[in-house]
């Protein structure tokens, strides 16, 4: 189902051209190479270079889920695909397993 979603986003040009991870023909390593070249070019010219690294783990836990669903719907995502995304975002729980010890589920 992920490939259908990615294909939809690609076909409708809804992904930023700087989105490299999880895209056909691009990888996070490609982005790192591109960025490294840009930083080296700036440094060679004596310009300042600033890097901000973001960890996006848990990103969907910190956003308004209904807002995501509404935005996707306004972009033309509908039917089973929109339902799948909505189900994924709805009532998610997490538990940890470490060395055969399992925690309780938490929202």
PDB file of N, CA and C in Angstrom:
ATOM      1  N   UNK A   1       0.823  -1.196   0.000  1.00  0.00           N
ATOM      2  CA  UNK A   1       0.000   0.000   0.000  1.00  0.00           C
ATOM      3  C   UNK A   1       0.863   1.254   0.000  1.00  0.00           C
ATOM      4  N   UNK A   2       2.055   1.167   0.614  1.00  0.00           N
ATOM      5  CA  UNK A   2       2.946   2.331   0.657  1.00  0.00           C
ATOM      6  C   UNK A   2       3.359   2.756  -0.741  1.00  0.00           C
ATOM      7  N   UNK A   3       3.574   1.778  -1.639  1.00  0.00           N
ATOM      8  CA  UNK A   3       3.982   2.131  -3.001  1.00  0.00           C
ATOM      9  C   UNK A   3       2.859   2.850  -3.744  1.00  0.00           C
ATOM     10  N   UNK A   4       1.614   2.503  -3.466  1.00  0.00           N
ATOM     11  CA  UNK A   4       0.476   3.180  -4.090  1.00  0.00           C
ATOM     12  C   UNK A   4       0.435   4.632  -3.626  1.00  0.00           C
ATOM     13  N   UNK A   5       0.649   4.838  -2.336  1.00  0.00           N
ATOM     14  CA  UNK A   5       0.638   6.186  -1.768  1.00  0.00           C
ATOM     15  C   UNK A   5       1.773   7.020  -2.353  1.00  0.00           C
ATOM     16  N   UNK A   6       2.973   6.453  -2.388  1.00  0.00           N
ATOM     17  CA  UNK A   6       4.128   7.166  -2.938  1.00  0.00           C
ATOM     18  C   UNK A   6       3.913   7.476  -4.418  1.00  0.00           C
ATOM     19  N   UNK A   7       3.360   6.528  -5.158  1.00  0.00           N
ATOM     20  CA  UNK A   7       3.068   6.755  -6.579  1.00  0.00           C
ATOM     21  C   UNK A   7       2.081   7.897  -6.763  1.00  0.00           C
ATOM     22  N   UNK A   8       1.065   7.948  -5.910  1.00  0.00           N
ATOM     23  CA  UNK A   8       0.080   9.028  -5.979  1.00  0.00           C
ATOM     24  C   UNK A   8       0.757  10.377  -5.739  1.00  0.00           C
ATOM     25  N   UNK A   9       1.575  10.447  -4.684  1.00  0.00           N
ATOM     26  CA  UNK A   9       2.260  11.699  -4.365  1.00  0.00           C
ATOM     27  C   UNK A   9       3.184  12.129  -5.502  1.00  0.00           C
ATOM     28  N   UNK A  10       3.906  11.173  -6.087  1.00  0.00           N
ATOM     29  CA  UNK A  10       4.797  11.485  -7.211  1.00  0.00           C
ATOM     30  C   UNK A  10       4.005  11.946  -8.439  1.00  0.00           C
ATOM     31  N   UNK A  11       2.941  11.240  -8.760  1.00  0.00           N
ATOM     32  CA  UNK A  11       2.155  11.552  -9.955  1.00  0.00           C
ATOM     33  C   UNK A  11       1.528  12.940  -9.881  1.00  0.00           C
ATOM     34  N   UNK A  12       1.205  13.385  -8.675  1.00  0.00           N
ATOM     35  CA  UNK A  12       0.562  14.690  -8.499  1.00  0.00           C
ATOM     36  C   UNK A  12       1.545  15.762  -8.016  1.00  0.00           C
ATOM     37  N   UNK A  13       2.832  15.432  -8.054  1.00  0.00           N
ATOM     38  CA  UNK A  13       3.895  16.386  -7.686  1.00  0.00           C
ATOM     39  C   UNK A  13       3.647  17.011  -6.308  1.00  0.00           C
ATOM     40  N   UNK A  14       3.324  16.154  -5.329  1.00  0.00           N
ATOM     41  CA  UNK A  14       3.014  16.626  -3.984  1.00  0.00           C
ATOM     42  C   UNK A  14       4.183  16.495  -3.013  1.00  0.00           C
ATOM     43  N   UNK A  15       5.299  15.936  -3.476  1.00  0.00           N
ATOM     44  CA  UNK A  15       6.475  15.827  -2.628  1.00  0.00           C
ATOM     45  C   UNK A  15       7.487  16.895  -3.003  1.00  0.00           C
ATOM     46  N   UNK A  16       8.123  17.448  -2.000  1.00  0.00           N
ATOM     47  CA  UNK A  16       9.169  18.430  -2.222  1.00  0.00           C
ATOM     48  C   UNK A  16      10.333  17.763  -2.950  1.00  0.00           C
ATOM     49  N   UNK A  17      10.957  18.488  -3.856  1.00  0.00           N
ATOM     50  CA  UNK A  17      12.088  17.926  -4.595  1.00  0.00           C
ATOM     51  C   UNK A  17      13.263  17.600  -3.683  1.00  0.00           C
ATOM     52  N   UNK A  18      13.260  18.141  -2.480  1.00  0.00           N
ATOM     53  CA  UNK A  18      14.323  17.860  -1.517  1.00  0.00           C
ATOM     54  C   UNK A  18      14.008  16.651  -0.639  1.00  0.00           C
ATOM     55  N   UNK A  19      12.886  15.991  -0.907  1.00  0.00           N
ATOM     56  CA  UNK A  19      12.525  14.772  -0.189  1.00  0.00           C
ATOM     57  C   UNK A  19      13.233  13.609  -0.866  1.00  0.00           C
ATOM     58  N   UNK A  20      14.253  13.062  -0.217  1.00  0.00           N
ATOM     59  CA  UNK A  20      15.051  12.004  -0.833  1.00  0.00           C
ATOM     60  C   UNK A  20      14.720  10.623  -0.270  1.00  0.00           C
ATOM     61  N   UNK A  21      14.495  10.521   1.029  1.00  0.00           N
ATOM     62  CA  UNK A  21      14.248   9.223   1.640  1.00  0.00           C
ATOM     63  C   UNK A  21      12.963   8.600   1.138  1.00  0.00           C
ATOM     64  N   UNK A  22      12.962   7.291   0.937  1.00  0.00           N
ATOM     65  CA  UNK A  22      11.787   6.503   0.558  1.00  0.00           C
ATOM     66  C   UNK A  22      11.229   6.896  -0.802  1.00  0.00           C
ATOM     67  N   UNK A  23      12.066   7.413  -1.695  1.00  0.00           N
ATOM     68  CA  UNK A  23      11.617   7.748  -3.043  1.00  0.00           C
ATOM     69  C   UNK A  23      12.421   6.966  -4.053  1.00  0.00           C
ATOM     70  N   UNK A  24      11.735   6.460  -5.061  1.00  0.00           N
ATOM     71  CA  UNK A  24      12.383   5.670  -6.100  1.00  0.00           C
ATOM     72  C   UNK A  24      13.471   6.500  -6.780  1.00  0.00           C
ATOM     73  N   UNK A  25      14.657   5.926  -6.880  1.00  0.00           N
ATOM     74  CA  UNK A  25      15.766   6.605  -7.522  1.00  0.00           C
ATOM     75  C   UNK A  25      16.508   7.589  -6.642  1.00  0.00           C
ATOM     76  N   UNK A  26      16.058   7.771  -5.417  1.00  0.00           N
ATOM     77  CA  UNK A  26      16.701   8.672  -4.462  1.00  0.00           C
ATOM     78  C   UNK A  26      16.868   7.954  -3.132  1.00  0.00           C
ATOM     79  N   UNK A  27      17.860   8.379  -2.379  1.00  0.00           N
ATOM     80  CA  UNK A  27      18.027   7.815  -1.047  1.00  0.00           C
ATOM     81  C   UNK A  27      18.529   8.904  -0.124  1.00  0.00           C
ATOM     82  N   UNK A  28      18.497   8.628   1.156  1.00  0.00           N
ATOM     83  CA  UNK A  28      19.022   9.576   2.134  1.00  0.00           C
ATOM     84  C   UNK A  28      20.510   9.812   1.883  1.00  0.00           C
ATOM     85  N   UNK A  29      21.219   8.787   1.407  1.00  0.00           N
ATOM     86  CA  UNK A  29      22.648   8.940   1.091  1.00  0.00           C
ATOM     87  C   UNK A  29      22.851   9.947  -0.046  1.00  0.00           C
ATOM     88  N   UNK A  30      21.946   9.948  -1.033  1.00  0.00           N
ATOM     89  CA  UNK A  30      22.026  10.937  -2.120  1.00  0.00           C
ATOM     90  C   UNK A  30      21.913  12.354  -1.571  1.00  0.00           C
ATOM     91  N   UNK A  31      21.000  12.531  -0.638  1.00  0.00           N
ATOM     92  CA  UNK A  31      20.830  13.850  -0.037  1.00  0.00           C
ATOM     93  C   UNK A  31      22.084  14.265   0.723  1.00  0.00           C
ATOM     94  N   UNK A  32      22.675  13.341   1.468  1.00  0.00           N
ATOM     95  CA  UNK A  32      23.899  13.657   2.205  1.00  0.00           C
ATOM     96  C   UNK A  32      25.029  14.058   1.263  1.00  0.00           C
ATOM     97  N   UNK A  33      25.161  13.372   0.147  1.00  0.00           N
ATOM     98  CA  UNK A  33      26.182  13.735  -0.839  1.00  0.00           C
ATOM     99  C   UNK A  33      25.923  15.120  -1.419  1.00  0.00           C
ATOM    100  N   UNK A  34      24.673  15.406  -1.755  1.00  0.00           N
ATOM    101  CA  UNK A  34      24.312  16.710  -2.291  1.00  0.00           C
ATOM    102  C   UNK A  34      24.597  17.811  -1.279  1.00  0.00           C
ATOM    103  N   UNK A  35      24.210  17.572  -0.035  1.00  0.00           N
ATOM    104  CA  UNK A  35      24.441  18.574   1.016  1.00  0.00           C
ATOM    105  C   UNK A  35      25.933  18.759   1.277  1.00  0.00           C
ATOM    106  N   UNK A  36      26.679  17.671   1.326  1.00  0.00           N
ATOM    107  CA  UNK A  36      28.124  17.765   1.553  1.00  0.00           C
ATOM    108  C   UNK A  36      28.793  18.599   0.465  1.00  0.00           C
ATOM    109  N   UNK A  37      28.377  18.408  -0.768  1.00  0.00           N
ATOM    110  CA  UNK A  37      28.934  19.191  -1.876  1.00  0.00           C
ATOM    111  C   UNK A  37      28.602  20.672  -1.701  1.00  0.00           C
ATOM    112  N   UNK A  38      27.378  20.967  -1.288  1.00  0.00           N
ATOM    113  CA  UNK A  38      26.982  22.368  -1.079  1.00  0.00           C
ATOM    114  C   UNK A  38      27.779  22.994   0.062  1.00  0.00           C
ATOM    115  N   UNK A  39      27.978  22.244   1.157  1.00  0.00           N
ATOM    116  CA  UNK A  39      28.753  22.778   2.287  1.00  0.00           C
ATOM    117  C   UNK A  39      30.199  23.014   1.874  1.00  0.00           C
ATOM    118  N   UNK A  40      30.785  22.061   1.157  1.00  0.00           N
ATOM    119  CA  UNK A  40      32.174  22.210   0.710  1.00  0.00           C
ATOM    120  C   UNK A  40      32.316  23.418  -0.209  1.00  0.00           C
ATOM    121  N   UNK A  41      31.359  23.612  -1.104  1.00  0.00           N
ATOM    122  CA  UNK A  41      31.387  24.763  -2.009  1.00  0.00           C
ATOM    123  C   UNK A  41      31.355  26.070  -1.210  1.00  0.00           C
ATOM    124  N   UNK A  42      30.472  26.138  -0.215  1.00  0.00           N
ATOM    125  CA  UNK A  42      30.383  27.338   0.623  1.00  0.00           C
ATOM    126  C   UNK A  42      31.673  27.573   1.396  1.00  0.00           C
ATOM    127  N   UNK A  43      32.197  26.517   1.984  1.00  0.00           N
ATOM    128  CA  UNK A  43      33.430  26.651   2.764  1.00  0.00           C
ATOM    129  C   UNK A  43      34.604  27.053   1.873  1.00  0.00           C
ATOM    130  N   UNK A  44      34.680  26.496   0.655  1.00  0.00           N
ATOM    131  CA  UNK A  44      35.745  26.859  -0.281  1.00  0.00           C
ATOM    132  C   UNK A  44      35.683  28.341  -0.660  1.00  0.00           C
ATOM    133  N   UNK A  45      34.464  28.893  -0.670  1.00  0.00           N
ATOM    134  CA  UNK A  45      34.293  30.305  -1.014  1.00  0.00           C
ATOM    135  C   UNK A  45      34.405  31.207   0.216  1.00  0.00           C
ATOM    136  N   UNK A  46      34.676  30.626   1.383  1.00  0.00           N
ATOM    137  CA  UNK A  46      34.820  31.404   2.614  1.00  0.00           C
ATOM    138  C   UNK A  46      33.499  31.832   3.232  1.00  0.00           C
ATOM    139  N   UNK A  47      32.420  31.182   2.832  1.00  0.00           N
ATOM    140  CA  UNK A  47      31.102  31.515   3.372  1.00  0.00           C
ATOM    141  C   UNK A  47      30.798  30.684   4.610  1.00  0.00           C
ATOM    142  N   UNK A  48      29.903  31.175   5.429  1.00  0.00           N
ATOM    143  CA  UNK A  48      29.460  30.414   6.598  1.00  0.00           C
ATOM    144  C   UNK A  48      28.536  29.295   6.154  1.00  0.00           C
ATOM    145  N   UNK A  49      28.598  28.182   6.861  1.00  0.00           N
ATOM    146  CA  UNK A  49      27.690  27.063   6.619  1.00  0.00           C
ATOM    147  C   UNK A  49      27.048  26.676   7.935  1.00  0.00           C
ATOM    148  N   UNK A  50      25.756  26.514   7.911  1.00  0.00           N
ATOM    149  CA  UNK A  50      25.015  26.123   9.100  1.00  0.00           C
ATOM    150  C   UNK A  50      24.261  24.830   8.790  1.00  0.00           C
ATOM    151  N   UNK A  51      24.260  23.921   9.737  1.00  0.00           N
ATOM    152  CA  UNK A  51      23.580  22.644   9.558  1.00  0.00           C
ATOM    153  C   UNK A  51      22.611  22.454  10.714  1.00  0.00           C
ATOM    154  N   UNK A  52      21.391  22.111  10.384  1.00  0.00           N
ATOM    155  CA  UNK A  52      20.392  21.770  11.384  1.00  0.00           C
ATOM    156  C   UNK A  52      19.970  20.339  11.103  1.00  0.00           C
ATOM    157  N   UNK A  53      20.152  19.458  12.069  1.00  0.00           N
ATOM    158  CA  UNK A  53      19.767  18.056  11.908  1.00  0.00           C
ATOM    159  C   UNK A  53      18.523  17.799  12.750  1.00  0.00           C
ATOM    160  N   UNK A  54      17.531  17.221  12.135  1.00  0.00           N
ATOM    161  CA  UNK A  54      16.281  16.929  12.830  1.00  0.00           C
ATOM    162  C   UNK A  54      16.049  15.434  12.882  1.00  0.00           C
ATOM    163  N   UNK A  55      15.619  14.942  14.026  1.00  0.00           N
ATOM    164  CA  UNK A  55      15.225  13.552  14.172  1.00  0.00           C
ATOM    165  C   UNK A  55      13.714  13.521  14.071  1.00  0.00           C
ATOM    166  N   UNK A  56      13.214  12.911  13.008  1.00  0.00           N
ATOM    167  CA  UNK A  56      11.780  12.925  12.775  1.00  0.00           C
ATOM    168  C   UNK A  56      11.073  11.705  13.347  1.00  0.00           C
ATOM    169  N   UNK A  57      11.768  10.907  14.134  1.00  0.00           N
ATOM    170  CA  UNK A  57      11.131   9.739  14.747  1.00  0.00           C
ATOM    171  C   UNK A  57       9.957  10.208  15.596  1.00  0.00           C
ATOM    172  N   UNK A  58       8.840   9.581  15.435  1.00  0.00           N
ATOM    173  CA  UNK A  58       7.656   9.941  16.203  1.00  0.00           C
ATOM    174  C   UNK A  58       6.959  11.186  15.696  1.00  0.00           C
ATOM    175  N   UNK A  59       7.287  11.636  14.491  1.00  0.00           N
ATOM    176  CA  UNK A  59       6.721  12.876  13.969  1.00  0.00           C
ATOM    177  C   UNK A  59       5.194  12.831  13.922  1.00  0.00           C
ATOM    178  N   UNK A  60       4.616  11.689  13.577  1.00  0.00           N
ATOM    179  CA  UNK A  60       3.163  11.606  13.498  1.00  0.00           C
ATOM    180  C   UNK A  60       2.506  11.658  14.871  1.00  0.00           C
ATOM    181  N   UNK A  61       3.271  11.460  15.931  1.00  0.00           N
ATOM    182  CA  UNK A  61       2.715  11.526  17.274  1.00  0.00           C
ATOM    183  C   UNK A  61       2.526  12.965  17.732  1.00  0.00           C
ATOM    184  N   UNK A  62       3.102  13.911  17.016  1.00  0.00           N
ATOM    185  CA  UNK A  62       3.097  15.302  17.457  1.00  0.00           C
ATOM    186  C   UNK A  62       2.310  16.233  16.533  1.00  0.00           C
ATOM    187  N   UNK A  63       1.561  15.682  15.622  1.00  0.00           N
ATOM    188  CA  UNK A  63       0.800  16.511  14.697  1.00  0.00           C
ATOM    189  C   UNK A  63      -0.692  16.233  14.857  1.00  0.00           C
ATOM    190  N   UNK A  64      -1.487  17.148  14.370  1.00  0.00           N
ATOM    191  CA  UNK A  64      -2.938  17.032  14.431  1.00  0.00           C
ATOM    192  C   UNK A  64      -3.390  16.057  13.354  1.00  0.00           C
ATOM    193  N   UNK A  65      -3.769  14.856  13.775  1.00  0.00           N
ATOM    194  CA  UNK A  65      -4.097  13.777  12.847  1.00  0.00           C
ATOM    195  C   UNK A  65      -5.273  14.132  11.939  1.00  0.00           C
ATOM    196  N   UNK A  66      -6.315  14.757  12.485  1.00  0.00           N
ATOM    197  CA  UNK A  66      -7.459  15.126  11.654  1.00  0.00           C
ATOM    198  C   UNK A  66      -7.053  16.164  10.609  1.00  0.00           C
ATOM    199  N   UNK A  67      -6.092  17.020  10.964  1.00  0.00           N
ATOM    200  CA  UNK A  67      -5.589  17.999  10.008  1.00  0.00           C
ATOM    201  C   UNK A  67      -4.865  17.327   8.848  1.00  0.00           C
ATOM    202  N   UNK A  68      -4.081  16.290   9.152  1.00  0.00           N
ATOM    203  CA  UNK A  68      -3.394  15.535   8.097  1.00  0.00           C
ATOM    204  C   UNK A  68      -4.415  14.900   7.162  1.00  0.00           C
ATOM    205  N   UNK A  69      -5.431  14.276   7.739  1.00  0.00           N
ATOM    206  CA  UNK A  69      -6.463  13.606   6.938  1.00  0.00           C
ATOM    207  C   UNK A  69      -7.196  14.630   6.069  1.00  0.00           C
ATOM    208  N   UNK A  70      -7.542  15.776   6.642  1.00  0.00           N
ATOM    209  CA  UNK A  70      -8.238  16.812   5.870  1.00  0.00           C
ATOM    210  C   UNK A  70      -7.360  17.323   4.731  1.00  0.00           C
ATOM    211  N   UNK A  71      -6.082  17.544   5.001  1.00  0.00           N
ATOM    212  CA  UNK A  71      -5.162  18.041   3.971  1.00  0.00           C
ATOM    213  C   UNK A  71      -5.000  17.020   2.847  1.00  0.00           C
ATOM    214  N   UNK A  72      -4.824  15.742   3.210  1.00  0.00           N
ATOM    215  CA  UNK A  72      -4.698  14.706   2.189  1.00  0.00           C
ATOM    216  C   UNK A  72      -5.964  14.618   1.337  1.00  0.00           C
ATOM    217  N   UNK A  73      -7.127  14.723   1.997  1.00  0.00           N
ATOM    218  CA  UNK A  73      -8.392  14.706   1.265  1.00  0.00           C
ATOM    219  C   UNK A  73      -8.491  15.875   0.296  1.00  0.00           C
ATOM    220  N   UNK A  74      -8.032  17.055   0.728  1.00  0.00           N
ATOM    221  CA  UNK A  74      -8.088  18.229  -0.154  1.00  0.00           C
ATOM    222  C   UNK A  74      -7.118  18.109  -1.325  1.00  0.00           C
ATOM    223  N   UNK A  75      -6.082  17.255  -1.183  1.00  0.00           N
ATOM    224  CA  UNK A  75      -5.121  17.029  -2.259  1.00  0.00           C
ATOM    225  C   UNK A  75      -5.538  15.909  -3.197  1.00  0.00           C
ATOM    226  N   UNK A  76      -6.707  15.294  -2.914  1.00  0.00           N
ATOM    227  CA  UNK A  76      -7.225  14.274  -3.807  1.00  0.00           C
ATOM    228  C   UNK A  76      -7.038  12.841  -3.337  1.00  0.00           C
ATOM    229  N   UNK A  77      -6.415  12.644  -2.175  1.00  0.00           N
ATOM    230  CA  UNK A  77      -6.292  11.288  -1.632  1.00  0.00           C
ATOM    231  C   UNK A  77      -7.671  10.901  -1.106  1.00  0.00           C
ATOM    232  N   UNK A  78      -8.170   9.730  -1.506  1.00  0.00           N
ATOM    233  CA  UNK A  78      -9.516   9.342  -1.095  1.00  0.00           C
ATOM    234  C   UNK A  78      -9.648   7.821  -1.036  1.00  0.00           C
ATOM    235  N   UNK A  79     -10.815   7.379  -0.666  1.00  0.00           N
ATOM    236  CA  UNK A  79     -11.140   5.957  -0.676  1.00  0.00           C
ATOM    237  C   UNK A  79     -10.313   5.135   0.282  1.00  0.00           C
ATOM    238  N   UNK A  80      -9.959   3.937  -0.169  1.00  0.00           N
ATOM    239  CA  UNK A  80      -9.260   2.973   0.688  1.00  0.00           C
ATOM    240  C   UNK A  80      -7.918   3.505   1.177  1.00  0.00           C
ATOM    241  N   UNK A  81      -7.225   4.263   0.340  1.00  0.00           N
ATOM    242  CA  UNK A  81      -5.925   4.794   0.744  1.00  0.00           C
ATOM    243  C   UNK A  81      -6.078   5.790   1.888  1.00  0.00           C
ATOM    244  N   UNK A  82      -7.031   6.707   1.791  1.00  0.00           N
ATOM    245  CA  UNK A  82      -7.258   7.666   2.865  1.00  0.00           C
ATOM    246  C   UNK A  82      -7.718   6.950   4.133  1.00  0.00           C
ATOM    247  N   UNK A  83      -8.565   5.941   3.980  1.00  0.00           N
ATOM    248  CA  UNK A  83      -9.016   5.161   5.140  1.00  0.00           C
ATOM    249  C   UNK A  83      -7.849   4.451   5.816  1.00  0.00           C
ATOM    250  N   UNK A  84      -6.942   3.899   5.011  1.00  0.00           N
ATOM    251  CA  UNK A  84      -5.772   3.225   5.569  1.00  0.00           C
ATOM    252  C   UNK A  84      -4.918   4.197   6.380  1.00  0.00           C
ATOM    253  N   UNK A  85      -4.676   5.368   5.849  1.00  0.00           N
ATOM    254  CA  UNK A  85      -3.870   6.367   6.557  1.00  0.00           C
ATOM    255  C   UNK A  85      -4.580   6.804   7.832  1.00  0.00           C
ATOM    256  N   UNK A  86      -5.884   7.007   7.745  1.00  0.00           N
ATOM    257  CA  UNK A  86      -6.658   7.412   8.917  1.00  0.00           C
ATOM    258  C   UNK A  86      -6.614   6.326   9.994  1.00  0.00           C
ATOM    259  N   UNK A  87      -6.761   5.076   9.604  1.00  0.00           N
ATOM    260  CA  UNK A  87      -6.671   3.968  10.560  1.00  0.00           C
ATOM    261  C   UNK A  87      -5.293   3.900  11.194  1.00  0.00           C
ATOM    262  N   UNK A  88      -4.256   4.152  10.394  1.00  0.00           N
ATOM    263  CA  UNK A  88      -2.879   4.132  10.912  1.00  0.00           C
ATOM    264  C   UNK A  88      -2.690   5.198  11.984  1.00  0.00           C
ATOM    265  N   UNK A  89      -3.287   6.365  11.780  1.00  0.00           N
ATOM    266  CA  UNK A  89      -3.107   7.469  12.728  1.00  0.00           C
ATOM    267  C   UNK A  89      -4.041   7.389  13.929  1.00  0.00           C
ATOM    268  N   UNK A  90      -5.087   6.601  13.846  1.00  0.00           N
ATOM    269  CA  UNK A  90      -6.113   6.558  14.883  1.00  0.00           C
ATOM    270  C   UNK A  90      -5.758   5.577  16.000  1.00  0.00           C
ATOM    271  N   UNK A  91      -5.788   6.048  17.222  1.00  0.00           N
ATOM    272  CA  UNK A  91      -5.625   5.211  18.413  1.00  0.00           C
ATOM    273  C   UNK A  91      -4.367   4.345  18.375  1.00  0.00           C
ATOM    274  N   UNK A  92      -3.253   4.918  18.013  1.00  0.00           N
ATOM    275  CA  UNK A  92      -1.999   4.163  17.964  1.00  0.00           C
ATOM    276  C   UNK A  92      -1.496   3.900  19.376  1.00  0.00           C
ATOM    277  N   UNK A  93      -0.892   2.742  19.558  1.00  0.00           N
ATOM    278  CA  UNK A  93      -0.296   2.393  20.845  1.00  0.00           C
ATOM    279  C   UNK A  93       1.131   1.911  20.624  1.00  0.00           C
ATOM    280  N   UNK A  94       1.877   1.891  21.708  1.00  0.00           N
ATOM    281  CA  UNK A  94       3.281   1.508  21.648  1.00  0.00           C
ATOM    282  C   UNK A  94       3.601   0.655  22.861  1.00  0.00           C
ATOM    283  N   UNK A  95       4.468  -0.322  22.668  1.00  0.00           N
ATOM    284  CA  UNK A  95       5.012  -1.072  23.789  1.00  0.00           C
ATOM    285  C   UNK A  95       6.466  -1.372  23.494  1.00  0.00           C
ATOM    286  N   UNK A  96       7.239  -1.550  24.535  1.00  0.00           N
ATOM    287  CA  UNK A  96       8.671  -1.813  24.400  1.00  0.00           C
ATOM    288  C   UNK A  96       8.947  -3.276  24.731  1.00  0.00           C
ATOM    289  N   UNK A  97       9.869  -3.870  23.995  1.00  0.00           N
ATOM    290  CA  UNK A  97      10.346  -5.216  24.293  1.00  0.00           C
ATOM    291  C   UNK A  97      11.866  -5.135  24.369  1.00  0.00           C
ATOM    292  N   UNK A  98      12.403  -5.428  25.548  1.00  0.00           N
ATOM    293  CA  UNK A  98      13.852  -5.393  25.761  1.00  0.00           C
ATOM    294  C   UNK A  98      14.251  -6.647  26.523  1.00  0.00           C
ATOM    295  N   UNK A  99      15.123  -7.420  25.941  1.00  0.00           N
ATOM    296  CA  UNK A  99      15.625  -8.643  26.588  1.00  0.00           C
ATOM    297  C   UNK A  99      14.496  -9.506  27.129  1.00  0.00           C
ATOM    298  N   UNK A 100      13.525  -9.773  26.294  1.00  0.00           N
ATOM    299  CA  UNK A 100      12.384 -10.643  26.632  1.00  0.00           C
ATOM    300  C   UNK A 100      11.443 -10.042  27.668  1.00  0.00           C
ATOM    301  N   UNK A 101      11.611  -8.779  28.034  1.00  0.00           N
ATOM    302  CA  UNK A 101      10.694  -8.090  28.946  1.00  0.00           C
ATOM    303  C   UNK A 101       9.839  -7.145  28.125  1.00  0.00           C
ATOM    304  N   UNK A 102       8.528  -7.233  28.329  1.00  0.00           N
ATOM    305  CA  UNK A 102       7.589  -6.443  27.532  1.00  0.00           C
ATOM    306  C   UNK A 102       6.823  -5.487  28.419  1.00  0.00           C
ATOM    307  N   UNK A 103       6.771  -4.223  28.002  1.00  0.00           N
ATOM    308  CA  UNK A 103       6.014  -3.213  28.759  1.00  0.00           C
ATOM    309  C   UNK A 103       4.533  -3.317  28.425  1.00  0.00           C
ATOM    310  N   UNK A 104       3.722  -2.575  29.166  1.00  0.00           N
ATOM    311  CA  UNK A 104       2.301  -2.449  28.839  1.00  0.00           C
ATOM    312  C   UNK A 104       2.158  -1.537  27.630  1.00  0.00           C
ATOM    313  N   UNK A 105       1.031  -1.644  26.951  1.00  0.00           N
ATOM    314  CA  UNK A 105       0.753  -0.746  25.834  1.00  0.00           C
ATOM    315  C   UNK A 105       0.474   0.661  26.380  1.00  0.00           C
ATOM    316  N   UNK A 106       0.962   1.667  25.672  1.00  0.00           N
ATOM    317  CA  UNK A 106       0.719   3.061  26.019  1.00  0.00           C
ATOM    318  C   UNK A 106       0.258   3.790  24.763  1.00  0.00           C
ATOM    319  N   UNK A 107      -0.618   4.782  24.947  1.00  0.00           N
ATOM    320  CA  UNK A 107      -1.061   5.547  23.762  1.00  0.00           C
ATOM    321  C   UNK A 107       0.111   6.314  23.143  1.00  0.00           C
TER     322      UNK A 107
END
